């Protein structure tokens, strides 16, 4: 049987707020399954997502290289 994690456990594992986990799961950017009104996450899917996240999406705050500034920029 696959190891299931709760939203709180994923939040702790990824070290991000629960609200971020809700948002990412709702937007289908984080693999999760809704069971009734509760979210459940397969540990292997979350671990694979962490390993592949850099290849699929740009890092938050990463500049586009054209000198533009965003709210995460230190320039």
PDB file of N, CA and C in Angstrom:
ATOM      1  N   UNK A   1       0.836  -1.186   0.000  1.00  0.00           N
ATOM      2  CA  UNK A   1       0.000   0.000   0.000  1.00  0.00           C
ATOM      3  C   UNK A   1       0.878   1.246   0.000  1.00  0.00           C
ATOM      4  N   UNK A   2       0.456   2.242  -0.727  1.00  0.00           N
ATOM      5  CA  UNK A   2       1.220   3.469  -0.824  1.00  0.00           C
ATOM      6  C   UNK A   2       1.071   4.296   0.442  1.00  0.00           C
ATOM      7  N   UNK A   3       2.149   4.992   0.790  1.00  0.00           N
ATOM      8  CA  UNK A   3       2.164   5.835   1.979  1.00  0.00           C
ATOM      9  C   UNK A   3       1.458   7.152   1.673  1.00  0.00           C
ATOM     10  N   UNK A   4       0.352   7.420   2.365  1.00  0.00           N
ATOM     11  CA  UNK A   4      -0.407   8.648   2.165  1.00  0.00           C
ATOM     12  C   UNK A   4      -0.031   9.684   3.210  1.00  0.00           C
ATOM     13  N   UNK A   5       0.064  10.938   2.781  1.00  0.00           N
ATOM     14  CA  UNK A   5       0.369  12.054   3.666  1.00  0.00           C
ATOM     15  C   UNK A   5      -0.815  13.002   3.719  1.00  0.00           C
ATOM     16  N   UNK A   6      -1.000  13.622   4.861  1.00  0.00           N
ATOM     17  CA  UNK A   6      -2.011  14.663   4.999  1.00  0.00           C
ATOM     18  C   UNK A   6      -1.431  15.986   4.515  1.00  0.00           C
ATOM     19  N   UNK A   7      -2.295  16.971   4.403  1.00  0.00           N
ATOM     20  CA  UNK A   7      -1.840  18.299   4.006  1.00  0.00           C
ATOM     21  C   UNK A   7      -0.823  18.835   5.010  1.00  0.00           C
ATOM     22  N   UNK A   8      -1.070  18.639   6.280  1.00  0.00           N
ATOM     23  CA  UNK A   8      -0.137  19.100   7.315  1.00  0.00           C
ATOM     24  C   UNK A   8       1.225  18.421   7.185  1.00  0.00           C
ATOM     25  N   UNK A   9       1.226  17.138   6.894  1.00  0.00           N
ATOM     26  CA  UNK A   9       2.491  16.412   6.738  1.00  0.00           C
ATOM     27  C   UNK A   9       3.268  16.900   5.519  1.00  0.00           C
ATOM     28  N   UNK A  10       2.567  17.178   4.425  1.00  0.00           N
ATOM     29  CA  UNK A  10       3.236  17.702   3.228  1.00  0.00           C
ATOM     30  C   UNK A  10       3.782  19.105   3.510  1.00  0.00           C
ATOM     31  N   UNK A  11       3.013  19.906   4.226  1.00  0.00           N
ATOM     32  CA  UNK A  11       3.461  21.242   4.607  1.00  0.00           C
ATOM     33  C   UNK A  11       4.757  21.175   5.403  1.00  0.00           C
ATOM     34  N   UNK A  12       4.821  20.267   6.360  1.00  0.00           N
ATOM     35  CA  UNK A  12       6.030  20.087   7.171  1.00  0.00           C
ATOM     36  C   UNK A  12       7.177  19.561   6.315  1.00  0.00           C
ATOM     37  N   UNK A  13       6.897  18.575   5.476  1.00  0.00           N
ATOM     38  CA  UNK A  13       7.916  17.970   4.627  1.00  0.00           C
ATOM     39  C   UNK A  13       8.543  19.003   3.681  1.00  0.00           C
ATOM     40  N   UNK A  14       7.701  19.836   3.059  1.00  0.00           N
ATOM     41  CA  UNK A  14       8.197  20.830   2.110  1.00  0.00           C
ATOM     42  C   UNK A  14       8.619  22.137   2.778  1.00  0.00           C
ATOM     43  N   UNK A  15       8.284  22.277   4.064  1.00  0.00           N
ATOM     44  CA  UNK A  15       8.614  23.480   4.829  1.00  0.00           C
ATOM     45  C   UNK A  15       8.000  24.737   4.210  1.00  0.00           C
ATOM     46  N   UNK A  16       6.726  24.613   3.859  1.00  0.00           N
ATOM     47  CA  UNK A  16       5.965  25.749   3.337  1.00  0.00           C
ATOM     48  C   UNK A  16       4.620  25.787   4.058  1.00  0.00           C
ATOM     49  N   UNK A  17       3.978  26.953   4.090  1.00  0.00           N
ATOM     50  CA  UNK A  17       2.680  27.063   4.778  1.00  0.00           C
ATOM     51  C   UNK A  17       1.604  26.178   4.147  1.00  0.00           C
ATOM     52  N   UNK A  18       0.632  25.791   4.972  1.00  0.00           N
ATOM     53  CA  UNK A  18      -0.487  24.990   4.487  1.00  0.00           C
ATOM     54  C   UNK A  18      -1.222  25.689   3.355  1.00  0.00           C
ATOM     55  N   UNK A  19      -1.339  27.008   3.437  1.00  0.00           N
ATOM     56  CA  UNK A  19      -2.047  27.754   2.393  1.00  0.00           C
ATOM     57  C   UNK A  19      -1.381  27.570   1.029  1.00  0.00           C
ATOM     58  N   UNK A  20      -0.062  27.448   1.007  1.00  0.00           N
ATOM     59  CA  UNK A  20       0.658  27.225  -0.251  1.00  0.00           C
ATOM     60  C   UNK A  20       0.359  25.836  -0.799  1.00  0.00           C
ATOM     61  N   UNK A  21       0.289  24.853   0.097  1.00  0.00           N
ATOM     62  CA  UNK A  21      -0.031  23.489  -0.336  1.00  0.00           C
ATOM     63  C   UNK A  21      -1.441  23.439  -0.916  1.00  0.00           C
ATOM     64  N   UNK A  22      -2.415  24.087  -0.236  1.00  0.00           N
ATOM     65  CA  UNK A  22      -3.784  24.156  -0.765  1.00  0.00           C
ATOM     66  C   UNK A  22      -3.783  24.763  -2.165  1.00  0.00           C
ATOM     67  N   UNK A  23      -3.100  25.874  -2.319  1.00  0.00           N
ATOM     68  CA  UNK A  23      -3.089  26.579  -3.609  1.00  0.00           C
ATOM     69  C   UNK A  23      -2.477  25.714  -4.702  1.00  0.00           C
ATOM     70  N   UNK A  24      -1.322  25.135  -4.436  1.00  0.00           N
ATOM     71  CA  UNK A  24      -0.653  24.311  -5.443  1.00  0.00           C
ATOM     72  C   UNK A  24      -1.482  23.080  -5.802  1.00  0.00           C
ATOM     73  N   UNK A  25      -2.117  22.461  -4.820  1.00  0.00           N
ATOM     74  CA  UNK A  25      -2.946  21.279  -5.086  1.00  0.00           C
ATOM     75  C   UNK A  25      -4.185  21.659  -5.891  1.00  0.00           C
ATOM     76  N   UNK A  26      -4.835  22.766  -5.508  1.00  0.00           N
ATOM     77  CA  UNK A  26      -6.029  23.225  -6.239  1.00  0.00           C
ATOM     78  C   UNK A  26      -5.700  23.536  -7.691  1.00  0.00           C
ATOM     79  N   UNK A  27      -4.526  24.133  -7.926  1.00  0.00           N
ATOM     80  CA  UNK A  27      -4.110  24.488  -9.287  1.00  0.00           C
ATOM     81  C   UNK A  27      -3.516  23.296 -10.037  1.00  0.00           C
ATOM     82  N   UNK A  28      -3.480  22.145  -9.388  1.00  0.00           N
ATOM     83  CA  UNK A  28      -2.924  20.922  -9.962  1.00  0.00           C
ATOM     84  C   UNK A  28      -1.444  21.062 -10.311  1.00  0.00           C
ATOM     85  N   UNK A  29      -0.747  21.900  -9.567  1.00  0.00           N
ATOM     86  CA  UNK A  29       0.691  22.043  -9.734  1.00  0.00           C
ATOM     87  C   UNK A  29       1.445  21.128  -8.777  1.00  0.00           C
ATOM     88  N   UNK A  30       0.735  20.593  -7.786  1.00  0.00           N
ATOM     89  CA  UNK A  30       1.270  19.644  -6.818  1.00  0.00           C
ATOM     90  C   UNK A  30       0.377  18.410  -6.876  1.00  0.00           C
ATOM     91  N   UNK A  31       0.951  17.205  -7.031  1.00  0.00           N
ATOM     92  CA  UNK A  31       0.110  16.015  -7.146  1.00  0.00           C
ATOM     93  C   UNK A  31      -0.596  15.708  -5.834  1.00  0.00           C
ATOM     94  N   UNK A  32      -1.903  15.676  -5.883  1.00  0.00           N
ATOM     95  CA  UNK A  32      -2.694  15.383  -4.694  1.00  0.00           C
ATOM     96  C   UNK A  32      -4.045  14.832  -5.078  1.00  0.00           C
ATOM     97  N   UNK A  33      -4.739  14.282  -4.106  1.00  0.00           N
ATOM     98  CA  UNK A  33      -6.039  13.674  -4.331  1.00  0.00           C
ATOM     99  C   UNK A  33      -6.997  14.170  -3.269  1.00  0.00           C
ATOM    100  N   UNK A  34      -8.152  14.639  -3.684  1.00  0.00           N
ATOM    101  CA  UNK A  34      -9.144  15.111  -2.743  1.00  0.00           C
ATOM    102  C   UNK A  34     -10.062  13.951  -2.379  1.00  0.00           C
ATOM    103  N   UNK A  35     -10.161  13.679  -1.095  1.00  0.00           N
ATOM    104  CA  UNK A  35     -11.025  12.632  -0.574  1.00  0.00           C
ATOM    105  C   UNK A  35     -12.061  13.336   0.289  1.00  0.00           C
ATOM    106  N   UNK A  36     -13.270  13.465  -0.249  1.00  0.00           N
ATOM    107  CA  UNK A  36     -14.268  14.276   0.441  1.00  0.00           C
ATOM    108  C   UNK A  36     -13.794  15.722   0.475  1.00  0.00           C
ATOM    109  N   UNK A  37     -13.641  16.278   1.658  1.00  0.00           N
ATOM    110  CA  UNK A  37     -13.140  17.650   1.758  1.00  0.00           C
ATOM    111  C   UNK A  37     -11.675  17.691   2.187  1.00  0.00           C
ATOM    112  N   UNK A  38     -11.027  16.531   2.231  1.00  0.00           N
ATOM    113  CA  UNK A  38      -9.644  16.447   2.691  1.00  0.00           C
ATOM    114  C   UNK A  38      -8.704  16.118   1.542  1.00  0.00           C
ATOM    115  N   UNK A  39      -7.516  16.703   1.579  1.00  0.00           N
ATOM    116  CA  UNK A  39      -6.487  16.400   0.609  1.00  0.00           C
ATOM    117  C   UNK A  39      -5.601  15.290   1.149  1.00  0.00           C
ATOM    118  N   UNK A  40      -5.201  14.379   0.264  1.00  0.00           N
ATOM    119  CA  UNK A  40      -4.235  13.333   0.587  1.00  0.00           C
ATOM    120  C   UNK A  40      -3.198  13.306  -0.526  1.00  0.00           C
ATOM    121  N   UNK A  41      -1.974  12.994  -0.144  1.00  0.00           N
ATOM    122  CA  UNK A  41      -0.840  13.034  -1.066  1.00  0.00           C
ATOM    123  C   UNK A  41      -0.053  11.740  -0.941  1.00  0.00           C
ATOM    124  N   UNK A  42       0.330  11.159  -2.083  1.00  0.00           N
ATOM    125  CA  UNK A  42       1.145   9.952  -2.099  1.00  0.00           C
ATOM    126  C   UNK A  42       2.600  10.385  -1.948  1.00  0.00           C
ATOM    127  N   UNK A  43       3.264   9.845  -0.925  1.00  0.00           N
ATOM    128  CA  UNK A  43       4.641  10.252  -0.623  1.00  0.00           C
ATOM    129  C   UNK A  43       5.555  10.162  -1.850  1.00  0.00           C
ATOM    130  N   UNK A  44       5.466   9.075  -2.597  1.00  0.00           N
ATOM    131  CA  UNK A  44       6.333   8.896  -3.766  1.00  0.00           C
ATOM    132  C   UNK A  44       6.078   9.977  -4.817  1.00  0.00           C
ATOM    133  N   UNK A  45       4.814  10.384  -4.987  1.00  0.00           N
ATOM    134  CA  UNK A  45       4.486  11.432  -5.959  1.00  0.00           C
ATOM    135  C   UNK A  45       5.054  12.779  -5.518  1.00  0.00           C
ATOM    136  N   UNK A  46       4.989  13.058  -4.220  1.00  0.00           N
ATOM    137  CA  UNK A  46       5.533  14.316  -3.703  1.00  0.00           C
ATOM    138  C   UNK A  46       7.049  14.330  -3.842  1.00  0.00           C
ATOM    139  N   UNK A  47       7.695  13.225  -3.513  1.00  0.00           N
ATOM    140  CA  UNK A  47       9.147  13.146  -3.647  1.00  0.00           C
ATOM    141  C   UNK A  47       9.577  13.302  -5.100  1.00  0.00           C
ATOM    142  N   UNK A  48       8.848  12.682  -6.032  1.00  0.00           N
ATOM    143  CA  UNK A  48       9.155  12.826  -7.463  1.00  0.00           C
ATOM    144  C   UNK A  48       8.931  14.263  -7.909  1.00  0.00           C
ATOM    145  N   UNK A  49       7.878  14.907  -7.405  1.00  0.00           N
ATOM    146  CA  UNK A  49       7.586  16.298  -7.740  1.00  0.00           C
ATOM    147  C   UNK A  49       8.731  17.198  -7.290  1.00  0.00           C
ATOM    148  N   UNK A  50       9.253  16.957  -6.097  1.00  0.00           N
ATOM    149  CA  UNK A  50      10.375  17.748  -5.588  1.00  0.00           C
ATOM    150  C   UNK A  50      11.589  17.559  -6.489  1.00  0.00           C
ATOM    151  N   UNK A  51      11.865  16.329  -6.892  1.00  0.00           N
ATOM    152  CA  UNK A  51      13.017  16.047  -7.740  1.00  0.00           C
ATOM    153  C   UNK A  51      12.899  16.703  -9.114  1.00  0.00           C
ATOM    154  N   UNK A  52      11.682  16.800  -9.647  1.00  0.00           N
ATOM    155  CA  UNK A  52      11.471  17.303 -11.002  1.00  0.00           C
ATOM    156  C   UNK A  52      11.008  18.750 -11.063  1.00  0.00           C
ATOM    157  N   UNK A  53      10.732  19.360  -9.943  1.00  0.00           N
ATOM    158  CA  UNK A  53      10.152  20.708  -9.934  1.00  0.00           C
ATOM    159  C   UNK A  53      11.020  21.715 -10.664  1.00  0.00           C
ATOM    160  N   UNK A  54      12.310  21.641 -10.521  1.00  0.00           N
ATOM    161  CA  UNK A  54      13.197  22.603 -11.170  1.00  0.00           C
ATOM    162  C   UNK A  54      13.191  22.493 -12.682  1.00  0.00           C
ATOM    163  N   UNK A  55      12.930  21.311 -13.202  1.00  0.00           N
ATOM    164  CA  UNK A  55      12.941  21.108 -14.645  1.00  0.00           C
ATOM    165  C   UNK A  55      11.656  21.578 -15.307  1.00  0.00           C
ATOM    166  N   UNK A  56      10.548  21.624 -14.541  1.00  0.00           N
ATOM    167  CA  UNK A  56       9.257  21.921 -15.144  1.00  0.00           C
ATOM    168  C   UNK A  56       8.835  23.377 -15.008  1.00  0.00           C
ATOM    169  N   UNK A  57       9.254  24.048 -13.945  1.00  0.00           N
ATOM    170  CA  UNK A  57       8.810  25.414 -13.705  1.00  0.00           C
ATOM    171  C   UNK A  57       9.998  26.279 -13.320  1.00  0.00           C
ATOM    172  N   UNK A  58      10.007  27.552 -13.745  1.00  0.00           N
ATOM    173  CA  UNK A  58      11.075  28.433 -13.306  1.00  0.00           C
ATOM    174  C   UNK A  58      10.961  28.690 -11.809  1.00  0.00           C
ATOM    175  N   UNK A  59      12.089  28.945 -11.176  1.00  0.00           N
ATOM    176  CA  UNK A  59      12.073  29.256  -9.754  1.00  0.00           C
ATOM    177  C   UNK A  59      11.374  30.577  -9.510  1.00  0.00           C
ATOM    178  N   UNK A  60      10.641  30.676  -8.422  1.00  0.00           N
ATOM    179  CA  UNK A  60       9.976  31.924  -8.064  1.00  0.00           C
ATOM    180  C   UNK A  60      11.048  32.975  -7.842  1.00  0.00           C
ATOM    181  N   UNK A  61      10.884  34.119  -8.479  1.00  0.00           N
ATOM    182  CA  UNK A  61      11.834  35.200  -8.310  1.00  0.00           C
ATOM    183  C   UNK A  61      13.026  35.115  -9.242  1.00  0.00           C
ATOM    184  N   UNK A  62      13.110  34.068 -10.036  1.00  0.00           N
ATOM    185  CA  UNK A  62      14.215  33.965 -10.979  1.00  0.00           C
ATOM    186  C   UNK A  62      14.001  34.975 -12.087  1.00  0.00           C
ATOM    187  N   UNK A  63      14.975  35.787 -12.301  1.00  0.00           N
ATOM    188  CA  UNK A  63      14.864  36.819 -13.329  1.00  0.00           C
ATOM    189  C   UNK A  63      14.856  36.234 -14.720  1.00  0.00           C
ATOM    190  N   UNK A  64      14.341  36.989 -15.657  1.00  0.00           N
ATOM    191  CA  UNK A  64      14.284  36.506 -17.030  1.00  0.00           C
ATOM    192  C   UNK A  64      15.578  36.792 -17.778  1.00  0.00           C
ATOM    193  N   UNK A  65      16.523  37.443 -17.089  1.00  0.00           N
ATOM    194  CA  UNK A  65      17.793  37.709 -17.725  1.00  0.00           C
ATOM    195  C   UNK A  65      17.801  38.988 -18.534  1.00  0.00           C
ATOM    196  N   UNK A  66      16.675  39.707 -18.616  1.00  0.00           N
ATOM    197  CA  UNK A  66      16.620  40.914 -19.410  1.00  0.00           C
ATOM    198  C   UNK A  66      16.713  42.166 -18.550  1.00  0.00           C
ATOM    199  N   UNK A  67      17.123  41.989 -17.283  1.00  0.00           N
ATOM    200  CA  UNK A  67      17.282  43.146 -16.417  1.00  0.00           C
ATOM    201  C   UNK A  67      15.993  43.616 -15.771  1.00  0.00           C
ATOM    202  N   UNK A  68      14.876  42.923 -16.041  1.00  0.00           N
ATOM    203  CA  UNK A  68      13.624  43.347 -15.433  1.00  0.00           C
ATOM    204  C   UNK A  68      13.659  43.047 -13.944  1.00  0.00           C
ATOM    205  N   UNK A  69      12.890  43.797 -13.178  1.00  0.00           N
ATOM    206  CA  UNK A  69      12.857  43.621 -11.741  1.00  0.00           C
ATOM    207  C   UNK A  69      11.477  43.128 -11.329  1.00  0.00           C
ATOM    208  N   UNK A  70      11.449  42.251 -10.351  1.00  0.00           N
ATOM    209  CA  UNK A  70      10.171  41.830  -9.810  1.00  0.00           C
ATOM    210  C   UNK A  70      10.208  41.984  -8.294  1.00  0.00           C
ATOM    211  N   UNK A  71       9.125  41.640  -7.645  1.00  0.00           N
ATOM    212  CA  UNK A  71       9.065  41.893  -6.205  1.00  0.00           C
ATOM    213  C   UNK A  71       9.996  41.003  -5.401  1.00  0.00           C
ATOM    214  N   UNK A  72      10.576  39.981  -6.022  1.00  0.00           N
ATOM    215  CA  UNK A  72      11.504  39.121  -5.318  1.00  0.00           C
ATOM    216  C   UNK A  72      12.965  39.494  -5.598  1.00  0.00           C
ATOM    217  N   UNK A  73      13.158  40.423  -6.463  1.00  0.00           N
ATOM    218  CA  UNK A  73      14.501  40.809  -6.866  1.00  0.00           C
ATOM    219  C   UNK A  73      15.183  41.614  -5.773  1.00  0.00           C
ATOM    220  N   UNK A  74      16.486  41.408  -5.636  1.00  0.00           N
ATOM    221  CA  UNK A  74      17.266  42.192  -4.700  1.00  0.00           C
ATOM    222  C   UNK A  74      17.952  43.366  -5.387  1.00  0.00           C
ATOM    223  N   UNK A  75      17.789  43.462  -6.690  1.00  0.00           N
ATOM    224  CA  UNK A  75      18.419  44.560  -7.452  1.00  0.00           C
ATOM    225  C   UNK A  75      17.584  45.798  -7.442  1.00  0.00           C
TER     226      UNK A  75
END
